Amino acid sequence: MKVLVVYCHPVPESFGAALRDAALETLAAAGRELRLIDLYAENFNPVMCCEERRAYNDRAPADPALRPHIEAIRWAEAILFVYPTWWYGLPAMLKGWLDRVWATDIAFSLSPSGGIVPKMTHIRKIGIVTTCGAPWWLSHLIGHPGRKTILRGIRALCGPRCRTMFMAHYRMDASTPESRAAYLAKVKKKLARF
């Protein structure tokens, strides 16, 4: 299976980087073919400009910087997102990536009746590995907006039988070396079957 890992964290020595590395090692050991998009490392521009937005409903984005990203999501059979949950949602960098790359005539097309026609039907699995500063109950009360964006919104553009996976280390701000080690072990175990 071809797995695209989309990683988003600005700090190279973060726990997020440890999660990314564990994911890549585990997926490689399971025989998956891998590609990595590291949004901060490549200095991805998440800002949609005026002209890009004006053309959004009419055609695929024309920015040549997006071509490798578009090719990567077309190549993938599964996508794993590794990111920190900030303010209960996606980091702005990752949200901007979705805005600019999962675009008209790439991830979906607009039907004459106004509906959305999925174009990512080759994607069979979507997973999230994240950290949250808040406890589980508060994240649940707020409604997990980042989780919903990916596992409902993005998943709706994928294959009809696309499976999803979500893993979070809650109360990250009060985490301990033991809690982080336990979460890493859980991530490895779950991704071995991803």
N, C-alpha and C. Protein backbone atom coordinates (compact mmCIF):
# COMPACT_ATOMS: atom_id res chain seq x y z
N MET A 1 0.83 -1.19 0.00
CA MET A 1 0.00 0.00 0.00
C MET A 1 0.88 1.25 0.00
N LYS A 2 0.47 2.26 -0.75
CA LYS A 2 1.20 3.52 -0.85
C LYS A 2 0.64 4.49 0.20
N VAL A 3 1.48 4.88 1.15
CA VAL A 3 1.04 5.74 2.25
C VAL A 3 1.75 7.08 2.18
N LEU A 4 0.97 8.13 2.14
CA LEU A 4 1.49 9.49 2.21
C LEU A 4 1.37 9.95 3.65
N VAL A 5 2.50 10.35 4.24
CA VAL A 5 2.51 10.91 5.60
C VAL A 5 2.62 12.42 5.47
N VAL A 6 1.62 13.11 5.99
CA VAL A 6 1.61 14.58 5.97
C VAL A 6 1.90 15.04 7.39
N TYR A 7 3.05 15.67 7.56
CA TYR A 7 3.52 16.06 8.88
C TYR A 7 3.53 17.58 9.00
N CYS A 8 3.06 18.07 10.15
CA CYS A 8 2.98 19.51 10.36
C CYS A 8 3.35 19.87 11.79
N HIS A 9 4.56 20.34 11.98
CA HIS A 9 5.00 20.87 13.27
C HIS A 9 6.23 21.74 13.02
N PRO A 10 6.28 22.93 13.64
CA PRO A 10 7.40 23.84 13.35
C PRO A 10 8.69 23.53 14.10
N VAL A 11 8.63 22.71 15.14
CA VAL A 11 9.81 22.49 15.99
C VAL A 11 10.45 21.14 15.65
N PRO A 12 11.68 21.15 15.14
CA PRO A 12 12.31 19.90 14.69
C PRO A 12 12.50 18.86 15.80
N GLU A 13 12.69 19.28 17.03
CA GLU A 13 12.93 18.32 18.12
C GLU A 13 11.67 18.05 18.95
N SER A 14 10.50 18.36 18.42
CA SER A 14 9.24 18.19 19.15
C SER A 14 8.85 16.73 19.31
N PHE A 15 7.90 16.50 20.19
CA PHE A 15 7.32 15.16 20.32
C PHE A 15 6.62 14.79 19.02
N GLY A 16 6.10 15.78 18.33
CA GLY A 16 5.50 15.52 17.01
C GLY A 16 6.49 14.88 16.06
N ALA A 17 7.75 15.34 16.11
CA ALA A 17 8.79 14.75 15.26
C ALA A 17 9.04 13.30 15.65
N ALA A 18 8.98 13.01 16.93
CA ALA A 18 9.13 11.61 17.39
C ALA A 18 7.97 10.76 16.87
N LEU A 19 6.77 11.33 16.87
CA LEU A 19 5.61 10.61 16.33
C LEU A 19 5.76 10.36 14.83
N ARG A 20 6.23 11.39 14.12
CA ARG A 20 6.48 11.24 12.67
C ARG A 20 7.48 10.13 12.41
N ASP A 21 8.59 10.15 13.13
CA ASP A 21 9.63 9.13 12.94
C ASP A 21 9.12 7.73 13.26
N ALA A 22 8.36 7.61 14.36
CA ALA A 22 7.80 6.31 14.73
C ALA A 22 6.84 5.82 13.65
N ALA A 23 6.04 6.74 13.11
CA ALA A 23 5.09 6.36 12.05
C ALA A 23 5.84 5.87 10.82
N LEU A 24 6.84 6.62 10.39
CA LEU A 24 7.60 6.24 9.19
C LEU A 24 8.30 4.90 9.38
N GLU A 25 8.93 4.70 10.54
CA GLU A 25 9.63 3.44 10.80
C GLU A 25 8.66 2.26 10.84
N THR A 26 7.54 2.44 11.50
CA THR A 26 6.57 1.35 11.64
C THR A 26 5.94 0.99 10.30
N LEU A 27 5.56 2.00 9.53
CA LEU A 27 4.95 1.75 8.23
C LEU A 27 5.95 1.11 7.26
N ALA A 28 7.20 1.55 7.31
CA ALA A 28 8.24 0.94 6.45
C ALA A 28 8.46 -0.52 6.84
N ALA A 29 8.49 -0.79 8.13
CA ALA A 29 8.69 -2.17 8.61
C ALA A 29 7.53 -3.07 8.20
N ALA A 30 6.34 -2.47 8.04
CA ALA A 30 5.17 -3.24 7.61
C ALA A 30 5.11 -3.39 6.09
N GLY A 31 6.12 -2.89 5.39
CA GLY A 31 6.20 -3.07 3.95
C GLY A 31 5.45 -2.03 3.13
N ARG A 32 5.08 -0.93 3.75
CA ARG A 32 4.36 0.11 3.02
C ARG A 32 5.32 0.94 2.20
N GLU A 33 4.88 1.39 1.04
CA GLU A 33 5.63 2.32 0.22
C GLU A 33 5.29 3.72 0.73
N LEU A 34 6.30 4.53 1.05
CA LEU A 34 6.06 5.78 1.76
C LEU A 34 6.51 7.01 1.00
N ARG A 35 5.79 8.09 1.24
CA ARG A 35 6.22 9.43 0.87
C ARG A 35 5.90 10.33 2.06
N LEU A 36 6.75 11.32 2.27
CA LEU A 36 6.57 12.27 3.38
C LEU A 36 6.44 13.68 2.83
N ILE A 37 5.44 14.38 3.30
CA ILE A 37 5.34 15.83 3.09
C ILE A 37 5.52 16.45 4.47
N ASP A 38 6.58 17.22 4.64
CA ASP A 38 6.87 17.91 5.89
C ASP A 38 6.64 19.40 5.62
N LEU A 39 5.48 19.89 5.99
CA LEU A 39 5.05 21.23 5.58
C LEU A 39 5.97 22.35 6.07
N TYR A 40 6.39 22.29 7.31
CA TYR A 40 7.27 23.34 7.83
C TYR A 40 8.68 23.22 7.25
N ALA A 41 9.18 22.01 7.13
CA ALA A 41 10.55 21.83 6.61
C ALA A 41 10.67 22.36 5.19
N GLU A 42 9.60 22.21 4.41
CA GLU A 42 9.68 22.71 3.03
C GLU A 42 9.16 24.14 2.91
N ASN A 43 8.79 24.74 4.04
CA ASN A 43 8.31 26.13 4.05
C ASN A 43 7.11 26.30 3.11
N PHE A 44 6.16 25.37 3.23
CA PHE A 44 4.95 25.43 2.41
C PHE A 44 4.21 26.74 2.67
N ASN A 45 3.71 27.36 1.63
CA ASN A 45 2.94 28.60 1.76
C ASN A 45 1.46 28.24 1.87
N PRO A 46 0.86 28.40 3.06
CA PRO A 46 -0.54 28.02 3.24
C PRO A 46 -1.54 29.10 2.82
N VAL A 47 -1.05 30.24 2.37
CA VAL A 47 -1.92 31.37 2.09
C VAL A 47 -2.46 31.31 0.66
N MET A 48 -3.76 31.26 0.55
CA MET A 48 -4.41 31.30 -0.76
C MET A 48 -4.51 32.77 -1.19
N CYS A 49 -3.93 33.09 -2.32
CA CYS A 49 -3.94 34.48 -2.79
C CYS A 49 -5.29 34.81 -3.44
N CYS A 50 -5.48 36.07 -3.73
CA CYS A 50 -6.73 36.58 -4.30
C CYS A 50 -7.08 35.88 -5.61
N GLU A 51 -6.13 35.82 -6.54
CA GLU A 51 -6.42 35.22 -7.85
C GLU A 51 -6.69 33.72 -7.74
N GLU A 52 -5.99 33.05 -6.82
CA GLU A 52 -6.22 31.62 -6.62
C GLU A 52 -7.65 31.39 -6.13
N ARG A 53 -8.11 32.24 -5.22
CA ARG A 53 -9.48 32.09 -4.71
C ARG A 53 -10.52 32.41 -5.79
N ARG A 54 -10.25 33.43 -6.59
CA ARG A 54 -11.19 33.79 -7.64
C ARG A 54 -11.39 32.65 -8.64
N ALA A 55 -10.33 31.88 -8.89
CA ALA A 55 -10.40 30.78 -9.86
C ALA A 55 -10.77 29.45 -9.22
N TYR A 56 -10.92 29.41 -7.90
CA TYR A 56 -11.08 28.16 -7.16
C TYR A 56 -12.21 27.28 -7.67
N ASN A 57 -13.37 27.85 -7.96
CA ASN A 57 -14.51 27.03 -8.40
C ASN A 57 -14.46 26.67 -9.88
N ASP A 58 -13.54 27.29 -10.61
CA ASP A 58 -13.50 27.10 -12.07
C ASP A 58 -12.47 26.09 -12.56
N ARG A 59 -11.36 25.97 -11.83
CA ARG A 59 -10.29 25.10 -12.34
C ARG A 59 -9.31 24.74 -11.22
N ALA A 60 -8.48 23.77 -11.52
CA ALA A 60 -7.43 23.36 -10.58
C ALA A 60 -6.45 24.50 -10.36
N PRO A 61 -5.79 24.52 -9.20
CA PRO A 61 -4.83 25.58 -8.94
C PRO A 61 -3.67 25.55 -9.95
N ALA A 62 -3.20 26.73 -10.30
CA ALA A 62 -2.15 26.84 -11.31
C ALA A 62 -0.76 27.03 -10.71
N ASP A 63 -0.66 27.24 -9.41
CA ASP A 63 0.64 27.49 -8.76
C ASP A 63 1.54 26.27 -8.92
N PRO A 64 2.70 26.40 -9.59
CA PRO A 64 3.59 25.25 -9.79
C PRO A 64 4.13 24.67 -8.49
N ALA A 65 4.14 25.45 -7.42
CA ALA A 65 4.61 24.94 -6.13
C ALA A 65 3.69 23.86 -5.57
N LEU A 66 2.45 23.82 -6.05
CA LEU A 66 1.49 22.82 -5.56
C LEU A 66 1.58 21.49 -6.31
N ARG A 67 2.23 21.47 -7.46
CA ARG A 67 2.28 20.25 -8.28
C ARG A 67 2.79 19.02 -7.53
N PRO A 68 3.91 19.10 -6.78
CA PRO A 68 4.36 17.89 -6.07
C PRO A 68 3.35 17.41 -5.03
N HIS A 69 2.62 18.32 -4.43
CA HIS A 69 1.61 17.95 -3.42
C HIS A 69 0.41 17.29 -4.08
N ILE A 70 0.00 17.84 -5.20
CA ILE A 70 -1.11 17.25 -5.95
C ILE A 70 -0.74 15.86 -6.45
N GLU A 71 0.46 15.73 -6.95
CA GLU A 71 0.93 14.42 -7.42
C GLU A 71 0.97 13.42 -6.27
N ALA A 72 1.38 13.87 -5.09
CA ALA A 72 1.48 12.98 -3.93
C ALA A 72 0.11 12.47 -3.48
N ILE A 73 -0.90 13.34 -3.47
CA ILE A 73 -2.22 12.84 -3.04
C ILE A 73 -2.86 11.97 -4.12
N ARG A 74 -2.49 12.20 -5.36
CA ARG A 74 -2.99 11.31 -6.43
C ARG A 74 -2.29 9.95 -6.38
N TRP A 75 -1.06 9.92 -5.92
CA TRP A 75 -0.27 8.68 -5.82
C TRP A 75 -0.75 7.80 -4.66
N ALA A 76 -1.16 8.42 -3.58
CA ALA A 76 -1.42 7.71 -2.32
C ALA A 76 -2.66 6.83 -2.38
N GLU A 77 -2.58 5.74 -1.62
CA GLU A 77 -3.75 4.89 -1.35
C GLU A 77 -4.23 5.08 0.08
N ALA A 78 -3.35 5.65 0.90
CA ALA A 78 -3.66 5.95 2.29
C ALA A 78 -2.92 7.23 2.67
N ILE A 79 -3.51 7.99 3.59
CA ILE A 79 -2.87 9.22 4.06
C ILE A 79 -2.90 9.22 5.58
N LEU A 80 -1.74 9.49 6.16
CA LEU A 80 -1.62 9.61 7.61
C LEU A 80 -1.21 11.04 7.93
N PHE A 81 -2.02 11.72 8.72
CA PHE A 81 -1.73 13.08 9.16
C PHE A 81 -1.13 13.03 10.56
N VAL A 82 0.02 13.68 10.74
CA VAL A 82 0.67 13.76 12.05
C VAL A 82 0.84 15.25 12.35
N TYR A 83 0.16 15.70 13.41
CA TYR A 83 0.17 17.14 13.72
C TYR A 83 -0.26 17.37 15.16
N PRO A 84 0.05 18.54 15.71
CA PRO A 84 -0.48 18.90 17.02
C PRO A 84 -1.85 19.55 16.86
N THR A 85 -2.76 19.28 17.77
CA THR A 85 -4.05 19.95 17.77
C THR A 85 -3.88 21.24 18.58
N TRP A 86 -4.14 22.36 17.91
CA TRP A 86 -4.02 23.67 18.55
C TRP A 86 -5.38 24.35 18.53
N TRP A 87 -5.82 24.85 19.66
CA TRP A 87 -7.14 25.46 19.77
C TRP A 87 -8.21 24.53 19.21
N TYR A 88 -8.07 23.25 19.52
CA TYR A 88 -9.01 22.19 19.17
C TYR A 88 -9.05 21.86 17.69
N GLY A 89 -8.22 22.48 16.89
CA GLY A 89 -8.28 22.25 15.45
C GLY A 89 -6.92 22.03 14.82
N LEU A 90 -6.89 22.15 13.52
CA LEU A 90 -5.68 21.94 12.74
C LEU A 90 -4.76 23.16 12.84
N PRO A 91 -3.45 22.95 12.84
CA PRO A 91 -2.55 24.10 12.71
C PRO A 91 -2.85 24.84 11.40
N ALA A 92 -2.67 26.15 11.40
CA ALA A 92 -2.98 26.96 10.22
C ALA A 92 -2.24 26.46 8.98
N MET A 93 -1.01 26.00 9.16
CA MET A 93 -0.23 25.49 8.03
C MET A 93 -0.94 24.30 7.37
N LEU A 94 -1.44 23.37 8.18
CA LEU A 94 -2.12 22.20 7.64
C LEU A 94 -3.47 22.58 7.03
N LYS A 95 -4.21 23.47 7.67
CA LYS A 95 -5.49 23.92 7.12
C LYS A 95 -5.26 24.60 5.77
N GLY A 96 -4.21 25.41 5.67
CA GLY A 96 -3.89 26.05 4.40
C GLY A 96 -3.51 25.05 3.32
N TRP A 97 -2.82 23.97 3.73
CA TRP A 97 -2.47 22.91 2.77
C TRP A 97 -3.75 22.27 2.22
N LEU A 98 -4.70 21.98 3.10
CA LEU A 98 -5.97 21.41 2.64
C LEU A 98 -6.69 22.39 1.71
N ASP A 99 -6.73 23.67 2.10
CA ASP A 99 -7.40 24.68 1.27
C ASP A 99 -6.81 24.74 -0.13
N ARG A 100 -5.50 24.69 -0.22
CA ARG A 100 -4.83 24.93 -1.50
C ARG A 100 -4.64 23.67 -2.35
N VAL A 101 -4.44 22.51 -1.71
CA VAL A 101 -4.12 21.29 -2.45
C VAL A 101 -5.36 20.44 -2.72
N TRP A 102 -6.25 20.32 -1.76
CA TRP A 102 -7.48 19.53 -1.93
C TRP A 102 -8.51 20.44 -2.60
N ALA A 103 -8.26 20.75 -3.86
CA ALA A 103 -8.98 21.80 -4.56
C ALA A 103 -9.83 21.24 -5.71
N THR A 104 -10.58 22.14 -6.32
CA THR A 104 -11.42 21.84 -7.48
C THR A 104 -10.58 21.17 -8.58
N ASP A 105 -11.13 20.15 -9.17
CA ASP A 105 -10.52 19.37 -10.24
C ASP A 105 -9.29 18.57 -9.78
N ILE A 106 -9.01 18.60 -8.51
CA ILE A 106 -7.96 17.75 -7.91
C ILE A 106 -8.64 16.74 -6.99
N ALA A 107 -9.23 17.22 -5.91
CA ALA A 107 -9.87 16.34 -4.92
C ALA A 107 -11.36 16.16 -5.18
N PHE A 108 -11.95 17.07 -5.91
CA PHE A 108 -13.38 17.01 -6.21
C PHE A 108 -13.66 17.84 -7.45
N SER A 109 -14.85 17.64 -7.99
CA SER A 109 -15.33 18.52 -9.05
C SER A 109 -16.73 18.97 -8.64
N LEU A 110 -17.16 20.06 -9.24
CA LEU A 110 -18.48 20.60 -8.94
C LEU A 110 -19.44 20.18 -10.06
N SER A 111 -20.52 19.54 -9.69
CA SER A 111 -21.50 19.12 -10.69
C SER A 111 -22.34 20.32 -11.11
N PRO A 112 -22.95 20.25 -12.28
CA PRO A 112 -23.81 21.36 -12.74
C PRO A 112 -24.95 21.68 -11.76
N SER A 113 -25.38 20.67 -11.01
CA SER A 113 -26.47 20.89 -10.06
C SER A 113 -25.98 21.52 -8.76
N GLY A 114 -24.67 21.72 -8.65
CA GLY A 114 -24.11 22.35 -7.46
C GLY A 114 -23.53 21.39 -6.44
N GLY A 115 -23.64 20.09 -6.69
CA GLY A 115 -23.09 19.11 -5.76
C GLY A 115 -21.59 18.92 -5.94
N ILE A 116 -21.01 18.19 -5.02
CA ILE A 116 -19.57 17.88 -5.05
C ILE A 116 -19.40 16.43 -5.48
N VAL A 117 -18.52 16.21 -6.46
CA VAL A 117 -18.22 14.87 -6.95
C VAL A 117 -16.81 14.51 -6.49
N PRO A 118 -16.66 13.50 -5.60
CA PRO A 118 -15.34 13.12 -5.10
C PRO A 118 -14.42 12.64 -6.22
N LYS A 119 -13.13 13.02 -6.12
CA LYS A 119 -12.14 12.59 -7.11
C LYS A 119 -10.96 11.86 -6.46
N MET A 120 -11.06 11.58 -5.16
CA MET A 120 -9.96 10.91 -4.46
C MET A 120 -10.40 9.49 -4.06
N THR A 121 -11.15 8.85 -4.92
CA THR A 121 -11.73 7.55 -4.60
C THR A 121 -10.69 6.44 -4.49
N HIS A 122 -9.45 6.71 -4.88
CA HIS A 122 -8.37 5.73 -4.73
C HIS A 122 -7.84 5.69 -3.29
N ILE A 123 -8.21 6.65 -2.45
CA ILE A 123 -7.78 6.69 -1.05
C ILE A 123 -8.66 5.73 -0.25
N ARG A 124 -8.01 4.71 0.34
CA ARG A 124 -8.75 3.68 1.09
C ARG A 124 -8.64 3.80 2.60
N LYS A 125 -7.67 4.60 3.07
CA LYS A 125 -7.49 4.78 4.52
C LYS A 125 -7.01 6.19 4.80
N ILE A 126 -7.53 6.74 5.88
CA ILE A 126 -7.06 8.03 6.39
C ILE A 126 -6.85 7.88 7.89
N GLY A 127 -5.70 8.33 8.35
CA GLY A 127 -5.41 8.26 9.77
C GLY A 127 -4.90 9.57 10.32
N ILE A 128 -5.10 9.76 11.61
CA ILE A 128 -4.60 10.93 12.33
C ILE A 128 -3.85 10.47 13.56
N VAL A 129 -2.65 11.02 13.73
CA VAL A 129 -1.88 10.87 14.97
C VAL A 129 -1.63 12.28 15.46
N THR A 130 -2.18 12.62 16.63
CA THR A 130 -2.10 14.00 17.09
C THR A 130 -1.85 14.07 18.60
N THR A 131 -1.60 15.28 19.04
CA THR A 131 -1.51 15.59 20.46
C THR A 131 -2.48 16.73 20.74
N CYS A 132 -3.03 16.74 21.94
CA CYS A 132 -3.98 17.78 22.34
C CYS A 132 -3.61 18.28 23.72
N GLY A 133 -3.57 19.58 23.91
CA GLY A 133 -3.29 20.12 25.23
C GLY A 133 -4.43 19.90 26.20
N ALA A 134 -5.64 19.90 25.69
CA ALA A 134 -6.83 19.74 26.52
C ALA A 134 -7.06 18.28 26.90
N PRO A 135 -7.82 18.05 27.96
CA PRO A 135 -8.21 16.67 28.28
C PRO A 135 -9.24 16.15 27.28
N TRP A 136 -9.44 14.84 27.27
CA TRP A 136 -10.36 14.21 26.33
C TRP A 136 -11.75 14.81 26.45
N TRP A 137 -12.26 14.95 27.67
CA TRP A 137 -13.64 15.38 27.86
C TRP A 137 -13.88 16.79 27.29
N LEU A 138 -12.90 17.69 27.42
CA LEU A 138 -13.07 19.04 26.90
C LEU A 138 -12.99 19.04 25.37
N SER A 139 -12.06 18.26 24.83
CA SER A 139 -11.97 18.13 23.37
C SER A 139 -13.28 17.59 22.81
N HIS A 140 -13.85 16.61 23.50
CA HIS A 140 -15.13 16.03 23.09
C HIS A 140 -16.26 17.06 23.19
N LEU A 141 -16.27 17.83 24.27
CA LEU A 141 -17.29 18.85 24.46
C LEU A 141 -17.23 19.91 23.36
N ILE A 142 -16.02 20.32 22.99
CA ILE A 142 -15.82 21.32 21.93
C ILE A 142 -16.20 20.72 20.57
N GLY A 143 -16.05 19.42 20.40
CA GLY A 143 -16.49 18.76 19.17
C GLY A 143 -15.39 18.29 18.24
N HIS A 144 -14.13 18.31 18.69
CA HIS A 144 -13.01 17.82 17.87
C HIS A 144 -13.05 18.39 16.44
N PRO A 145 -13.03 19.73 16.26
CA PRO A 145 -13.15 20.27 14.90
C PRO A 145 -12.07 19.79 13.93
N GLY A 146 -10.82 19.67 14.38
CA GLY A 146 -9.76 19.19 13.49
C GLY A 146 -10.01 17.76 13.03
N ARG A 147 -10.39 16.92 13.96
CA ARG A 147 -10.71 15.53 13.64
C ARG A 147 -11.84 15.46 12.62
N LYS A 148 -12.88 16.26 12.82
CA LYS A 148 -14.02 16.24 11.90
C LYS A 148 -13.65 16.74 10.52
N THR A 149 -12.79 17.76 10.46
CA THR A 149 -12.37 18.29 9.16
C THR A 149 -11.77 17.18 8.30
N ILE A 150 -10.89 16.38 8.91
CA ILE A 150 -10.21 15.33 8.14
C ILE A 150 -11.05 14.07 8.00
N LEU A 151 -11.56 13.56 9.11
CA LEU A 151 -12.22 12.25 9.08
C LEU A 151 -13.67 12.30 8.58
N ARG A 152 -14.21 13.49 8.43
CA ARG A 152 -15.52 13.61 7.81
C ARG A 152 -15.42 14.37 6.48
N GLY A 153 -14.86 15.58 6.53
CA GLY A 153 -14.79 16.41 5.33
C GLY A 153 -13.89 15.85 4.24
N ILE A 154 -12.63 15.59 4.59
CA ILE A 154 -11.68 15.05 3.62
C ILE A 154 -12.06 13.61 3.25
N ARG A 155 -12.48 12.84 4.22
CA ARG A 155 -12.86 11.45 3.96
C ARG A 155 -14.02 11.36 2.96
N ALA A 156 -14.91 12.35 2.95
CA ALA A 156 -16.05 12.36 2.02
C ALA A 156 -15.60 12.45 0.56
N LEU A 157 -14.37 12.88 0.33
CA LEU A 157 -13.85 12.99 -1.04
C LEU A 157 -13.11 11.72 -1.47
N CYS A 158 -13.03 10.75 -0.57
CA CYS A 158 -12.26 9.52 -0.81
C CYS A 158 -13.19 8.37 -1.19
N GLY A 159 -12.60 7.17 -1.27
CA GLY A 159 -13.37 5.99 -1.65
C GLY A 159 -14.53 5.75 -0.70
N PRO A 160 -15.63 5.17 -1.20
CA PRO A 160 -16.82 4.97 -0.37
C PRO A 160 -16.58 4.06 0.83
N ARG A 161 -15.58 3.20 0.74
CA ARG A 161 -15.27 2.30 1.86
C ARG A 161 -13.99 2.71 2.59
N CYS A 162 -13.61 3.95 2.43
CA CYS A 162 -12.39 4.46 3.08
C CYS A 162 -12.53 4.32 4.60
N ARG A 163 -11.53 3.66 5.20
CA ARG A 163 -11.52 3.47 6.65
C ARG A 163 -10.73 4.59 7.31
N THR A 164 -11.07 4.88 8.55
CA THR A 164 -10.40 5.96 9.27
C THR A 164 -9.83 5.46 10.59
N MET A 165 -8.84 6.21 11.08
CA MET A 165 -8.20 5.92 12.36
C MET A 165 -7.86 7.24 13.03
N PHE A 166 -8.09 7.33 14.32
CA PHE A 166 -7.75 8.55 15.07
C PHE A 166 -7.08 8.15 16.37
N MET A 167 -5.94 8.78 16.63
CA MET A 167 -5.22 8.57 17.89
C MET A 167 -4.77 9.92 18.42
N ALA A 168 -5.00 10.16 19.72
CA ALA A 168 -4.59 11.43 20.31
C ALA A 168 -3.99 11.19 21.69
N HIS A 169 -2.96 11.96 21.98
CA HIS A 169 -2.40 12.03 23.33
C HIS A 169 -2.98 13.30 23.94
N TYR A 170 -3.97 13.14 24.80
CA TYR A 170 -4.62 14.27 25.45
C TYR A 170 -3.77 14.76 26.62
N ARG A 171 -4.06 15.99 27.06
CA ARG A 171 -3.34 16.64 28.16
C ARG A 171 -1.82 16.67 27.89
N MET A 172 -1.49 16.96 26.65
CA MET A 172 -0.09 17.00 26.25
C MET A 172 0.71 18.00 27.08
N ASP A 173 0.07 19.09 27.47
CA ASP A 173 0.77 20.11 28.25
C ASP A 173 1.19 19.60 29.63
N ALA A 174 0.56 18.54 30.10
CA ALA A 174 0.91 17.95 31.40
C ALA A 174 1.49 16.55 31.22
N SER A 175 1.96 16.24 30.01
CA SER A 175 2.46 14.90 29.74
C SER A 175 3.75 14.63 30.51
N THR A 176 4.07 13.36 30.60
CA THR A 176 5.30 12.92 31.28
C THR A 176 6.08 12.06 30.30
N PRO A 177 7.35 11.80 30.59
CA PRO A 177 8.08 10.87 29.73
C PRO A 177 7.38 9.52 29.61
N GLU A 178 6.74 9.09 30.70
CA GLU A 178 6.04 7.80 30.69
C GLU A 178 4.80 7.86 29.81
N SER A 179 4.04 8.95 29.89
CA SER A 179 2.82 9.04 29.07
C SER A 179 3.17 9.15 27.60
N ARG A 180 4.24 9.87 27.30
CA ARG A 180 4.65 9.99 25.90
C ARG A 180 5.18 8.66 25.35
N ALA A 181 5.95 7.93 26.18
CA ALA A 181 6.45 6.61 25.76
C ALA A 181 5.29 5.64 25.53
N ALA A 182 4.29 5.69 26.40
CA ALA A 182 3.13 4.81 26.24
C ALA A 182 2.36 5.14 24.97
N TYR A 183 2.22 6.42 24.66
CA TYR A 183 1.52 6.83 23.44
C TYR A 183 2.31 6.42 22.21
N LEU A 184 3.62 6.60 22.22
CA LEU A 184 4.45 6.16 21.09
C LEU A 184 4.29 4.67 20.84
N ALA A 185 4.28 3.89 21.91
CA ALA A 185 4.11 2.43 21.77
C ALA A 185 2.74 2.11 21.18
N LYS A 186 1.71 2.83 21.62
CA LYS A 186 0.36 2.62 21.10
C LYS A 186 0.29 2.98 19.61
N VAL A 187 0.94 4.08 19.23
CA VAL A 187 0.97 4.51 17.83
C VAL A 187 1.64 3.43 16.96
N LYS A 188 2.78 2.93 17.42
CA LYS A 188 3.49 1.90 16.66
C LYS A 188 2.63 0.65 16.49
N LYS A 189 1.98 0.23 17.56
CA LYS A 189 1.15 -0.98 17.50
C LYS A 189 0.00 -0.80 16.51
N LYS A 190 -0.65 0.35 16.56
CA LYS A 190 -1.80 0.57 15.69
C LYS A 190 -1.36 0.75 14.23
N LEU A 191 -0.25 1.45 14.01
CA LEU A 191 0.20 1.68 12.63
C LEU A 191 0.78 0.43 11.98
N ALA A 192 1.19 -0.54 12.76
CA ALA A 192 1.67 -1.80 12.20
C ALA A 192 0.56 -2.49 11.41
N ARG A 193 -0.69 -2.15 11.72
CA ARG A 193 -1.84 -2.73 11.03
C ARG A 193 -2.54 -1.73 10.10
N PHE A 194 -1.98 -0.55 9.95
CA PHE A 194 -2.63 0.51 9.16
C PHE A 194 -2.58 0.18 7.68
